[in-house]
Amino acid sequence: METSPASRLTFRTATPDDVPALVALVESAYRGESSRAGWTTEADLLDGRRTDADGVHALLADPASRVLVAEREGEPVACCHLERRERAERPSPVAYFGMFAVRPTAQGNGLGGQVLAEAERAAAGMGATEMQMTVISLRADLIAWYERRGYRRTGRYQPFPYGDENFGIPRRPDLRFELLVKPLG
């Protein structure tokens, strides 16, 4: 376990016992009225769920994945998922960053930046030389937040998987993901 003394934030790898709390945390940060207490809400873009117990269990079971939990006083306040990905065109692996959630009422005070920094350290520890993520391209405020932390827009887009409710139920016809990257090390 690693602790940030300034905020008494503790990081650890998630276990199957954490799944219900992680699903609730992710859903609260992105969907429904509770998500509007923070600035990361996707409630105006998507309905439906953001994740579910089966999806989180699958991440925990994947040997190339690690789910980090950030806790304060034993309560999860943030989480993220890292996946080591080997690339034929790259001599070293990259880490894909996702399922990043901060409790809505704890957003806007630096907690997300601390979690992102810990995720970058963990990704480097997995041997990754680059962090990658995809962000809904309409999320200008979120993309700008990542850019302030060293991520760059690639101009490479992936279509939103319309019809796959595992990604939510779109409220707009113009959703797509943009790849953001940051060298590690």
N, C-alpha and C. Protein backbone atom coordinates (compact mmCIF):
# COMPACT_ATOMS: atom_id res chain seq x y z
N MET A 1 0.83 -1.19 0.00
CA MET A 1 0.00 0.00 0.00
C MET A 1 0.87 1.24 0.00
N GLU A 2 0.42 2.22 -0.76
CA GLU A 2 1.13 3.48 -0.81
C GLU A 2 0.20 4.56 -0.30
N THR A 3 0.73 5.46 0.47
CA THR A 3 -0.10 6.51 1.05
C THR A 3 0.49 7.87 0.71
N SER A 4 -0.37 8.79 0.38
CA SER A 4 0.01 10.18 0.19
C SER A 4 -0.27 10.90 1.50
N PRO A 5 0.79 11.26 2.27
CA PRO A 5 0.57 11.85 3.59
C PRO A 5 -0.22 13.15 3.56
N ALA A 6 -0.12 13.93 2.49
CA ALA A 6 -0.80 15.21 2.45
C ALA A 6 -2.31 15.06 2.50
N SER A 7 -2.84 14.01 1.94
CA SER A 7 -4.29 13.86 1.90
C SER A 7 -4.78 12.59 2.57
N ARG A 8 -3.87 11.80 3.12
CA ARG A 8 -4.21 10.51 3.72
C ARG A 8 -4.95 9.62 2.73
N LEU A 9 -4.50 9.67 1.51
CA LEU A 9 -5.08 8.86 0.45
C LEU A 9 -4.26 7.58 0.33
N THR A 10 -4.93 6.44 0.35
CA THR A 10 -4.26 5.16 0.27
C THR A 10 -4.65 4.49 -1.05
N PHE A 11 -3.66 3.92 -1.73
CA PHE A 11 -3.90 3.21 -2.99
C PHE A 11 -3.66 1.72 -2.78
N ARG A 12 -4.50 0.92 -3.40
CA ARG A 12 -4.31 -0.52 -3.38
C ARG A 12 -4.95 -1.13 -4.61
N THR A 13 -4.61 -2.37 -4.89
CA THR A 13 -5.22 -3.11 -5.99
C THR A 13 -6.56 -3.65 -5.54
N ALA A 14 -7.56 -3.51 -6.37
CA ALA A 14 -8.91 -3.98 -6.04
C ALA A 14 -8.96 -5.49 -5.97
N THR A 15 -9.92 -5.98 -5.20
CA THR A 15 -10.20 -7.41 -5.07
C THR A 15 -11.66 -7.64 -5.44
N PRO A 16 -12.06 -8.89 -5.62
CA PRO A 16 -13.47 -9.16 -5.91
C PRO A 16 -14.43 -8.60 -4.86
N ASP A 17 -14.00 -8.49 -3.62
CA ASP A 17 -14.86 -7.92 -2.58
C ASP A 17 -15.19 -6.45 -2.84
N ASP A 18 -14.37 -5.77 -3.64
CA ASP A 18 -14.57 -4.35 -3.93
C ASP A 18 -15.59 -4.10 -5.04
N VAL A 19 -15.97 -5.12 -5.76
CA VAL A 19 -16.77 -4.92 -6.97
C VAL A 19 -18.04 -4.11 -6.72
N PRO A 20 -18.88 -4.42 -5.75
CA PRO A 20 -20.09 -3.60 -5.56
C PRO A 20 -19.79 -2.12 -5.32
N ALA A 21 -18.79 -1.83 -4.51
CA ALA A 21 -18.44 -0.43 -4.22
C ALA A 21 -17.88 0.25 -5.47
N LEU A 22 -17.10 -0.47 -6.27
CA LEU A 22 -16.53 0.13 -7.48
C LEU A 22 -17.62 0.43 -8.50
N VAL A 23 -18.55 -0.50 -8.69
CA VAL A 23 -19.65 -0.25 -9.62
C VAL A 23 -20.44 0.98 -9.18
N ALA A 24 -20.75 1.06 -7.90
CA ALA A 24 -21.50 2.21 -7.38
C ALA A 24 -20.71 3.51 -7.57
N LEU A 25 -19.41 3.47 -7.33
CA LEU A 25 -18.56 4.66 -7.50
C LEU A 25 -18.56 5.13 -8.95
N VAL A 26 -18.31 4.21 -9.87
CA VAL A 26 -18.26 4.57 -11.29
C VAL A 26 -19.61 5.10 -11.77
N GLU A 27 -20.67 4.43 -11.41
CA GLU A 27 -22.01 4.89 -11.81
C GLU A 27 -22.30 6.28 -11.25
N SER A 28 -21.93 6.51 -10.00
CA SER A 28 -22.22 7.82 -9.38
C SER A 28 -21.44 8.94 -10.03
N ALA A 29 -20.27 8.64 -10.58
CA ALA A 29 -19.43 9.68 -11.18
C ALA A 29 -19.87 10.06 -12.60
N TYR A 30 -20.59 9.17 -13.27
CA TYR A 30 -20.88 9.41 -14.68
C TYR A 30 -22.35 9.43 -15.07
N ARG A 31 -23.20 8.76 -14.31
CA ARG A 31 -24.58 8.61 -14.75
C ARG A 31 -25.55 9.13 -13.69
N GLY A 32 -26.70 9.56 -14.16
CA GLY A 32 -27.78 9.93 -13.27
C GLY A 32 -27.56 11.26 -12.56
N GLU A 33 -28.54 11.61 -11.76
CA GLU A 33 -28.53 12.90 -11.06
C GLU A 33 -27.37 13.03 -10.08
N SER A 34 -26.97 11.93 -9.43
CA SER A 34 -25.87 12.03 -8.46
C SER A 34 -24.58 12.48 -9.13
N SER A 35 -24.41 12.14 -10.42
CA SER A 35 -23.18 12.52 -11.12
C SER A 35 -23.08 14.03 -11.34
N ARG A 36 -24.19 14.70 -11.29
CA ARG A 36 -24.18 16.16 -11.53
C ARG A 36 -23.54 16.95 -10.38
N ALA A 37 -23.28 16.29 -9.26
CA ALA A 37 -22.58 16.95 -8.16
C ALA A 37 -21.12 17.18 -8.50
N GLY A 38 -20.58 16.47 -9.48
CA GLY A 38 -19.21 16.63 -9.94
C GLY A 38 -19.19 17.17 -11.36
N TRP A 39 -18.01 17.32 -11.89
CA TRP A 39 -17.89 17.88 -13.24
C TRP A 39 -17.62 16.82 -14.30
N THR A 40 -17.49 15.55 -13.93
CA THR A 40 -17.20 14.49 -14.90
C THR A 40 -18.44 13.81 -15.44
N THR A 41 -19.61 14.27 -15.10
CA THR A 41 -20.84 13.62 -15.51
C THR A 41 -20.94 13.47 -17.03
N GLU A 42 -21.51 12.37 -17.43
CA GLU A 42 -21.85 12.14 -18.84
C GLU A 42 -23.37 12.09 -19.01
N ALA A 43 -24.09 12.54 -17.98
CA ALA A 43 -25.55 12.41 -17.95
C ALA A 43 -26.23 13.13 -19.11
N ASP A 44 -25.61 14.17 -19.66
CA ASP A 44 -26.21 14.85 -20.80
C ASP A 44 -25.91 14.14 -22.13
N LEU A 45 -24.95 13.23 -22.10
CA LEU A 45 -24.55 12.52 -23.32
C LEU A 45 -25.08 11.09 -23.38
N LEU A 46 -25.16 10.45 -22.20
CA LEU A 46 -25.49 9.02 -22.17
C LEU A 46 -26.42 8.70 -21.01
N ASP A 47 -27.32 7.78 -21.27
CA ASP A 47 -28.13 7.18 -20.22
C ASP A 47 -27.64 5.76 -20.03
N GLY A 48 -28.32 5.01 -19.19
CA GLY A 48 -27.93 3.62 -18.99
C GLY A 48 -26.76 3.50 -18.03
N ARG A 49 -26.14 2.37 -18.06
CA ARG A 49 -25.06 2.12 -17.12
C ARG A 49 -23.69 2.44 -17.72
N ARG A 50 -22.71 2.64 -16.87
CA ARG A 50 -21.33 2.86 -17.29
C ARG A 50 -20.53 1.58 -17.13
N THR A 51 -20.87 0.79 -16.12
CA THR A 51 -20.21 -0.49 -15.90
C THR A 51 -21.17 -1.38 -15.12
N ASP A 52 -20.76 -2.62 -14.92
CA ASP A 52 -21.55 -3.54 -14.09
C ASP A 52 -20.61 -4.51 -13.40
N ALA A 53 -21.17 -5.30 -12.50
CA ALA A 53 -20.35 -6.22 -11.71
C ALA A 53 -19.61 -7.22 -12.59
N ASP A 54 -20.27 -7.75 -13.61
CA ASP A 54 -19.60 -8.72 -14.49
C ASP A 54 -18.39 -8.09 -15.18
N GLY A 55 -18.55 -6.85 -15.64
CA GLY A 55 -17.45 -6.17 -16.31
C GLY A 55 -16.27 -5.92 -15.39
N VAL A 56 -16.54 -5.52 -14.16
CA VAL A 56 -15.45 -5.26 -13.21
C VAL A 56 -14.79 -6.58 -12.81
N HIS A 57 -15.58 -7.63 -12.59
CA HIS A 57 -15.00 -8.94 -12.29
C HIS A 57 -14.08 -9.40 -13.42
N ALA A 58 -14.48 -9.16 -14.67
CA ALA A 58 -13.64 -9.54 -15.82
C ALA A 58 -12.32 -8.80 -15.81
N LEU A 59 -12.34 -7.52 -15.45
CA LEU A 59 -11.09 -6.75 -15.38
C LEU A 59 -10.18 -7.32 -14.29
N LEU A 60 -10.76 -7.67 -13.15
CA LEU A 60 -9.97 -8.20 -12.05
C LEU A 60 -9.35 -9.56 -12.39
N ALA A 61 -10.03 -10.32 -13.23
CA ALA A 61 -9.55 -11.65 -13.59
C ALA A 61 -8.50 -11.62 -14.69
N ASP A 62 -8.37 -10.51 -15.40
CA ASP A 62 -7.45 -10.41 -16.54
C ASP A 62 -6.03 -10.18 -16.01
N PRO A 63 -5.08 -11.09 -16.31
CA PRO A 63 -3.72 -10.92 -15.80
C PRO A 63 -2.99 -9.69 -16.35
N ALA A 64 -3.47 -9.12 -17.45
CA ALA A 64 -2.85 -7.92 -18.00
C ALA A 64 -3.44 -6.64 -17.40
N SER A 65 -4.39 -6.79 -16.49
CA SER A 65 -5.10 -5.64 -15.93
C SER A 65 -4.83 -5.47 -14.44
N ARG A 66 -5.03 -4.23 -14.02
CA ARG A 66 -4.97 -3.90 -12.61
C ARG A 66 -6.00 -2.79 -12.35
N VAL A 67 -6.83 -2.98 -11.36
CA VAL A 67 -7.78 -1.95 -10.96
C VAL A 67 -7.26 -1.36 -9.65
N LEU A 68 -7.02 -0.06 -9.67
CA LEU A 68 -6.55 0.65 -8.48
C LEU A 68 -7.72 1.28 -7.75
N VAL A 69 -7.68 1.21 -6.43
CA VAL A 69 -8.68 1.84 -5.58
C VAL A 69 -7.96 2.88 -4.73
N ALA A 70 -8.51 4.08 -4.69
CA ALA A 70 -8.01 5.13 -3.79
C ALA A 70 -9.01 5.24 -2.65
N GLU A 71 -8.49 5.17 -1.42
CA GLU A 71 -9.35 5.21 -0.25
C GLU A 71 -8.94 6.32 0.69
N ARG A 72 -9.93 6.83 1.38
CA ARG A 72 -9.73 7.73 2.52
C ARG A 72 -10.48 7.11 3.69
N GLU A 73 -9.76 6.87 4.76
CA GLU A 73 -10.35 6.29 5.96
C GLU A 73 -11.12 5.01 5.64
N GLY A 74 -10.55 4.19 4.75
CA GLY A 74 -11.13 2.90 4.41
C GLY A 74 -12.28 2.93 3.43
N GLU A 75 -12.67 4.11 2.94
CA GLU A 75 -13.78 4.25 2.00
C GLU A 75 -13.24 4.55 0.61
N PRO A 76 -13.70 3.81 -0.43
CA PRO A 76 -13.26 4.13 -1.79
C PRO A 76 -13.78 5.50 -2.22
N VAL A 77 -12.85 6.34 -2.68
CA VAL A 77 -13.23 7.67 -3.17
C VAL A 77 -12.89 7.84 -4.64
N ALA A 78 -12.07 6.91 -5.18
CA ALA A 78 -11.71 6.97 -6.60
C ALA A 78 -11.19 5.61 -7.03
N CYS A 79 -11.19 5.40 -8.34
CA CYS A 79 -10.64 4.16 -8.88
C CYS A 79 -10.24 4.39 -10.33
N CYS A 80 -9.48 3.45 -10.86
CA CYS A 80 -9.14 3.44 -12.28
C CYS A 80 -8.68 2.04 -12.67
N HIS A 81 -8.67 1.81 -13.95
CA HIS A 81 -8.25 0.53 -14.50
C HIS A 81 -7.05 0.76 -15.40
N LEU A 82 -6.06 -0.11 -15.31
CA LEU A 82 -4.90 -0.10 -16.18
C LEU A 82 -4.82 -1.45 -16.88
N GLU A 83 -4.54 -1.42 -18.16
CA GLU A 83 -4.35 -2.66 -18.91
C GLU A 83 -3.06 -2.56 -19.72
N ARG A 84 -2.18 -3.50 -19.48
CA ARG A 84 -0.93 -3.55 -20.26
C ARG A 84 -1.26 -4.13 -21.63
N ARG A 85 -0.87 -3.40 -22.68
CA ARG A 85 -1.14 -3.82 -24.05
C ARG A 85 0.16 -3.89 -24.83
N GLU A 86 0.39 -5.04 -25.41
CA GLU A 86 1.54 -5.22 -26.29
C GLU A 86 1.13 -4.73 -27.68
N ARG A 87 2.03 -4.07 -28.35
CA ARG A 87 1.74 -3.55 -29.69
C ARG A 87 2.81 -4.03 -30.65
N ALA A 88 2.38 -4.59 -31.74
CA ALA A 88 3.33 -5.09 -32.75
C ALA A 88 4.20 -3.96 -33.29
N GLU A 89 3.62 -2.77 -33.42
CA GLU A 89 4.37 -1.65 -34.00
C GLU A 89 5.24 -0.92 -32.97
N ARG A 90 5.19 -1.32 -31.71
CA ARG A 90 5.95 -0.65 -30.65
C ARG A 90 6.88 -1.65 -29.99
N PRO A 91 8.10 -1.23 -29.68
CA PRO A 91 9.03 -2.16 -29.02
C PRO A 91 8.70 -2.40 -27.55
N SER A 92 7.89 -1.54 -26.95
CA SER A 92 7.56 -1.71 -25.54
C SER A 92 6.05 -1.59 -25.36
N PRO A 93 5.53 -2.17 -24.30
CA PRO A 93 4.08 -2.12 -24.08
C PRO A 93 3.59 -0.73 -23.70
N VAL A 94 2.30 -0.52 -23.90
CA VAL A 94 1.63 0.69 -23.45
C VAL A 94 0.63 0.28 -22.38
N ALA A 95 0.17 1.25 -21.62
CA ALA A 95 -0.87 1.00 -20.63
C ALA A 95 -2.11 1.75 -21.08
N TYR A 96 -3.22 1.04 -21.14
CA TYR A 96 -4.50 1.68 -21.42
C TYR A 96 -5.14 2.04 -20.08
N PHE A 97 -5.59 3.28 -19.97
CA PHE A 97 -6.16 3.84 -18.75
C PHE A 97 -7.66 4.01 -18.95
N GLY A 98 -8.45 3.48 -18.03
CA GLY A 98 -9.89 3.62 -18.14
C GLY A 98 -10.57 3.47 -16.79
N MET A 99 -11.88 3.44 -16.83
CA MET A 99 -12.74 3.30 -15.65
C MET A 99 -12.30 4.25 -14.53
N PHE A 100 -11.89 5.44 -14.91
CA PHE A 100 -11.42 6.44 -13.95
C PHE A 100 -12.64 7.14 -13.35
N ALA A 101 -12.78 7.03 -12.06
CA ALA A 101 -13.92 7.66 -11.40
C ALA A 101 -13.49 8.24 -10.07
N VAL A 102 -14.00 9.42 -9.79
CA VAL A 102 -13.81 10.08 -8.50
C VAL A 102 -15.21 10.40 -7.96
N ARG A 103 -15.43 10.10 -6.69
CA ARG A 103 -16.73 10.40 -6.08
C ARG A 103 -17.10 11.85 -6.42
N PRO A 104 -18.30 12.08 -6.94
CA PRO A 104 -18.67 13.43 -7.39
C PRO A 104 -18.47 14.52 -6.35
N THR A 105 -18.78 14.25 -5.10
CA THR A 105 -18.63 15.28 -4.07
C THR A 105 -17.18 15.52 -3.68
N ALA A 106 -16.26 14.69 -4.18
CA ALA A 106 -14.83 14.86 -3.89
C ALA A 106 -14.08 15.42 -5.09
N GLN A 107 -14.79 15.73 -6.17
CA GLN A 107 -14.14 16.24 -7.37
C GLN A 107 -13.79 17.71 -7.23
N GLY A 108 -12.76 18.11 -7.98
CA GLY A 108 -12.39 19.52 -8.03
C GLY A 108 -11.42 19.97 -6.95
N ASN A 109 -10.81 19.02 -6.22
CA ASN A 109 -9.87 19.42 -5.16
C ASN A 109 -8.51 18.73 -5.30
N GLY A 110 -8.20 18.21 -6.47
CA GLY A 110 -6.88 17.61 -6.70
C GLY A 110 -6.83 16.11 -6.55
N LEU A 111 -7.89 15.49 -6.08
CA LEU A 111 -7.90 14.04 -5.89
C LEU A 111 -7.68 13.31 -7.22
N GLY A 112 -8.35 13.74 -8.28
CA GLY A 112 -8.19 13.09 -9.58
C GLY A 112 -6.76 13.15 -10.07
N GLY A 113 -6.09 14.27 -9.88
CA GLY A 113 -4.70 14.39 -10.28
C GLY A 113 -3.79 13.45 -9.50
N GLN A 114 -4.09 13.26 -8.22
CA GLN A 114 -3.31 12.32 -7.42
C GLN A 114 -3.50 10.89 -7.91
N VAL A 115 -4.75 10.54 -8.24
CA VAL A 115 -5.03 9.19 -8.73
C VAL A 115 -4.37 8.98 -10.08
N LEU A 116 -4.45 9.97 -10.96
CA LEU A 116 -3.82 9.85 -12.27
C LEU A 116 -2.31 9.67 -12.13
N ALA A 117 -1.68 10.43 -11.25
CA ALA A 117 -0.23 10.30 -11.03
C ALA A 117 0.12 8.91 -10.51
N GLU A 118 -0.69 8.38 -9.60
CA GLU A 118 -0.45 7.03 -9.09
C GLU A 118 -0.63 6.00 -10.21
N ALA A 119 -1.62 6.20 -11.05
CA ALA A 119 -1.85 5.29 -12.18
C ALA A 119 -0.66 5.31 -13.13
N GLU A 120 -0.09 6.48 -13.36
CA GLU A 120 1.08 6.57 -14.23
C GLU A 120 2.27 5.84 -13.63
N ARG A 121 2.47 5.97 -12.32
CA ARG A 121 3.55 5.23 -11.65
C ARG A 121 3.31 3.72 -11.76
N ALA A 122 2.06 3.31 -11.53
CA ALA A 122 1.74 1.88 -11.62
C ALA A 122 1.92 1.36 -13.04
N ALA A 123 1.55 2.15 -14.04
CA ALA A 123 1.72 1.74 -15.44
C ALA A 123 3.19 1.60 -15.78
N ALA A 124 4.01 2.53 -15.33
CA ALA A 124 5.45 2.42 -15.56
C ALA A 124 5.99 1.16 -14.87
N GLY A 125 5.46 0.86 -13.68
CA GLY A 125 5.86 -0.35 -12.98
C GLY A 125 5.45 -1.63 -13.71
N MET A 126 4.45 -1.53 -14.59
CA MET A 126 4.03 -2.65 -15.42
C MET A 126 4.89 -2.75 -16.68
N GLY A 127 5.86 -1.85 -16.82
CA GLY A 127 6.73 -1.86 -17.98
C GLY A 127 6.27 -1.00 -19.13
N ALA A 128 5.18 -0.28 -18.96
CA ALA A 128 4.65 0.56 -20.04
C ALA A 128 5.48 1.83 -20.18
N THR A 129 5.67 2.25 -21.41
CA THR A 129 6.39 3.49 -21.69
C THR A 129 5.47 4.60 -22.16
N GLU A 130 4.18 4.28 -22.28
CA GLU A 130 3.20 5.27 -22.71
C GLU A 130 1.85 4.92 -22.10
N MET A 131 1.12 5.95 -21.70
CA MET A 131 -0.26 5.78 -21.24
C MET A 131 -1.17 6.21 -22.37
N GLN A 132 -2.22 5.43 -22.61
CA GLN A 132 -3.21 5.75 -23.63
C GLN A 132 -4.60 5.71 -23.01
N MET A 133 -5.48 6.51 -23.54
CA MET A 133 -6.87 6.49 -23.12
C MET A 133 -7.73 7.01 -24.25
N THR A 134 -8.99 6.70 -24.19
CA THR A 134 -9.94 7.30 -25.12
C THR A 134 -10.95 8.09 -24.31
N VAL A 135 -11.31 9.26 -24.85
CA VAL A 135 -12.23 10.17 -24.20
C VAL A 135 -13.27 10.58 -25.23
N ILE A 136 -14.52 10.68 -24.82
CA ILE A 136 -15.55 11.16 -25.74
C ILE A 136 -15.13 12.54 -26.22
N SER A 137 -15.04 12.69 -27.53
CA SER A 137 -14.45 13.90 -28.11
C SER A 137 -15.22 15.17 -27.77
N LEU A 138 -16.48 15.07 -27.41
CA LEU A 138 -17.27 16.24 -27.04
C LEU A 138 -16.93 16.75 -25.64
N ARG A 139 -16.14 16.00 -24.88
CA ARG A 139 -15.82 16.35 -23.50
C ARG A 139 -14.61 17.30 -23.45
N ALA A 140 -14.78 18.49 -23.99
CA ALA A 140 -13.68 19.46 -24.09
C ALA A 140 -13.07 19.78 -22.73
N ASP A 141 -13.89 19.90 -21.69
CA ASP A 141 -13.36 20.22 -20.36
C ASP A 141 -12.50 19.08 -19.82
N LEU A 142 -12.91 17.86 -20.05
CA LEU A 142 -12.15 16.71 -19.58
C LEU A 142 -10.86 16.55 -20.39
N ILE A 143 -10.94 16.73 -21.69
CA ILE A 143 -9.73 16.65 -22.53
C ILE A 143 -8.73 17.73 -22.11
N ALA A 144 -9.21 18.93 -21.85
CA ALA A 144 -8.33 20.01 -21.40
C ALA A 144 -7.67 19.66 -20.07
N TRP A 145 -8.41 19.01 -19.17
CA TRP A 145 -7.84 18.58 -17.88
C TRP A 145 -6.69 17.62 -18.12
N TYR A 146 -6.88 16.65 -19.00
CA TYR A 146 -5.80 15.71 -19.32
C TYR A 146 -4.62 16.41 -20.01
N GLU A 147 -4.90 17.35 -20.89
CA GLU A 147 -3.82 18.08 -21.56
C GLU A 147 -2.96 18.84 -20.54
N ARG A 148 -3.57 19.40 -19.53
CA ARG A 148 -2.80 20.11 -18.49
C ARG A 148 -1.91 19.15 -17.71
N ARG A 149 -2.17 17.88 -17.81
CA ARG A 149 -1.36 16.86 -17.13
C ARG A 149 -0.44 16.12 -18.09
N GLY A 150 -0.22 16.69 -19.25
CA GLY A 150 0.78 16.15 -20.18
C GLY A 150 0.27 15.23 -21.27
N TYR A 151 -1.03 15.00 -21.34
CA TYR A 151 -1.58 14.16 -22.40
C TYR A 151 -1.76 15.00 -23.65
N ARG A 152 -1.62 14.33 -24.78
CA ARG A 152 -1.83 15.08 -26.03
C ARG A 152 -2.88 14.38 -26.87
N ARG A 153 -3.60 15.21 -27.58
CA ARG A 153 -4.61 14.71 -28.51
C ARG A 153 -3.90 14.15 -29.72
N THR A 154 -4.39 13.05 -30.22
CA THR A 154 -3.75 12.43 -31.38
C THR A 154 -4.49 12.70 -32.68
N GLY A 155 -5.75 13.13 -32.59
CA GLY A 155 -6.56 13.28 -33.79
C GLY A 155 -7.02 11.94 -34.35
N ARG A 156 -6.76 10.88 -33.58
CA ARG A 156 -7.22 9.54 -33.99
C ARG A 156 -8.50 9.24 -33.24
N TYR A 157 -9.52 8.88 -33.98
CA TYR A 157 -10.85 8.69 -33.41
C TYR A 157 -11.33 7.26 -33.61
N GLN A 158 -12.19 6.84 -32.68
CA GLN A 158 -12.88 5.56 -32.79
C GLN A 158 -14.37 5.86 -32.72
N PRO A 159 -15.16 5.16 -33.50
CA PRO A 159 -16.60 5.40 -33.43
C PRO A 159 -17.17 4.94 -32.09
N PHE A 160 -18.21 5.63 -31.65
CA PHE A 160 -18.92 5.18 -30.46
C PHE A 160 -19.69 3.92 -30.82
N PRO A 161 -19.69 2.92 -29.95
CA PRO A 161 -20.37 1.66 -30.28
C PRO A 161 -21.89 1.75 -30.07
N TYR A 162 -22.55 2.51 -30.95
CA TYR A 162 -24.00 2.64 -30.87
C TYR A 162 -24.62 1.25 -30.92
N GLY A 163 -25.62 1.02 -30.10
CA GLY A 163 -26.30 -0.27 -30.06
C GLY A 163 -25.73 -1.22 -29.03
N ASP A 164 -24.55 -0.92 -28.46
CA ASP A 164 -23.96 -1.75 -27.42
C ASP A 164 -24.19 -1.05 -26.08
N GLU A 165 -25.21 -1.49 -25.36
CA GLU A 165 -25.58 -0.82 -24.12
C GLU A 165 -24.55 -0.96 -23.01
N ASN A 166 -23.50 -1.77 -23.23
CA ASN A 166 -22.40 -1.83 -22.27
C ASN A 166 -21.67 -0.49 -22.18
N PHE A 167 -21.83 0.36 -23.18
CA PHE A 167 -21.19 1.67 -23.20
C PHE A 167 -22.18 2.78 -22.85
N GLY A 168 -23.42 2.41 -22.59
CA GLY A 168 -24.45 3.40 -22.29
C GLY A 168 -25.40 3.55 -23.45
N ILE A 169 -26.44 4.31 -23.20
CA ILE A 169 -27.45 4.59 -24.22
C ILE A 169 -27.27 6.03 -24.66
N PRO A 170 -26.80 6.24 -25.89
CA PRO A 170 -26.49 7.59 -26.35
C PRO A 170 -27.71 8.50 -26.41
N ARG A 171 -27.50 9.74 -26.04
CA ARG A 171 -28.54 10.76 -26.13
C ARG A 171 -28.30 11.66 -27.34
N ARG A 172 -27.21 11.40 -28.07
CA ARG A 172 -26.83 12.22 -29.24
C ARG A 172 -26.31 11.29 -30.34
N PRO A 173 -26.40 11.73 -31.59
CA PRO A 173 -25.92 10.89 -32.70
C PRO A 173 -24.46 11.15 -33.09
N ASP A 174 -23.76 12.05 -32.40
CA ASP A 174 -22.43 12.48 -32.84
C ASP A 174 -21.31 12.10 -31.87
N LEU A 175 -21.48 11.02 -31.13
CA LEU A 175 -20.46 10.62 -30.17
C LEU A 175 -19.35 9.82 -30.85
N ARG A 176 -18.13 10.07 -30.42
CA ARG A 176 -16.96 9.29 -30.83
C ARG A 176 -15.88 9.47 -29.78
N PHE A 177 -14.90 8.59 -29.81
CA PHE A 177 -13.80 8.64 -28.86
C PHE A 177 -12.55 9.17 -29.54
N GLU A 178 -11.77 9.97 -28.82
CA GLU A 178 -10.46 10.40 -29.31
C GLU A 178 -9.39 9.76 -28.43
N LEU A 179 -8.31 9.31 -29.07
CA LEU A 179 -7.18 8.73 -28.36
C LEU A 179 -6.29 9.84 -27.84
N LEU A 180 -5.98 9.79 -26.53
CA LEU A 180 -5.02 10.68 -25.89
C LEU A 180 -3.84 9.83 -25.44
N VAL A 181 -2.64 10.39 -25.51
CA VAL A 181 -1.43 9.64 -25.13
C VAL A 181 -0.49 10.53 -24.31
N LYS A 182 0.33 9.85 -23.49
CA LYS A 182 1.38 10.53 -22.73
C LYS A 182 2.54 9.58 -22.55
N PRO A 183 3.75 10.00 -22.92
CA PRO A 183 4.93 9.16 -22.64
C PRO A 183 5.13 9.06 -21.13
N LEU A 184 5.57 7.92 -20.67
CA LEU A 184 5.88 7.70 -19.25
C LEU A 184 7.39 7.61 -19.08
N GLY A 185 7.85 8.07 -17.96
CA GLY A 185 9.27 7.92 -17.65
C GLY A 185 10.10 9.13 -17.79
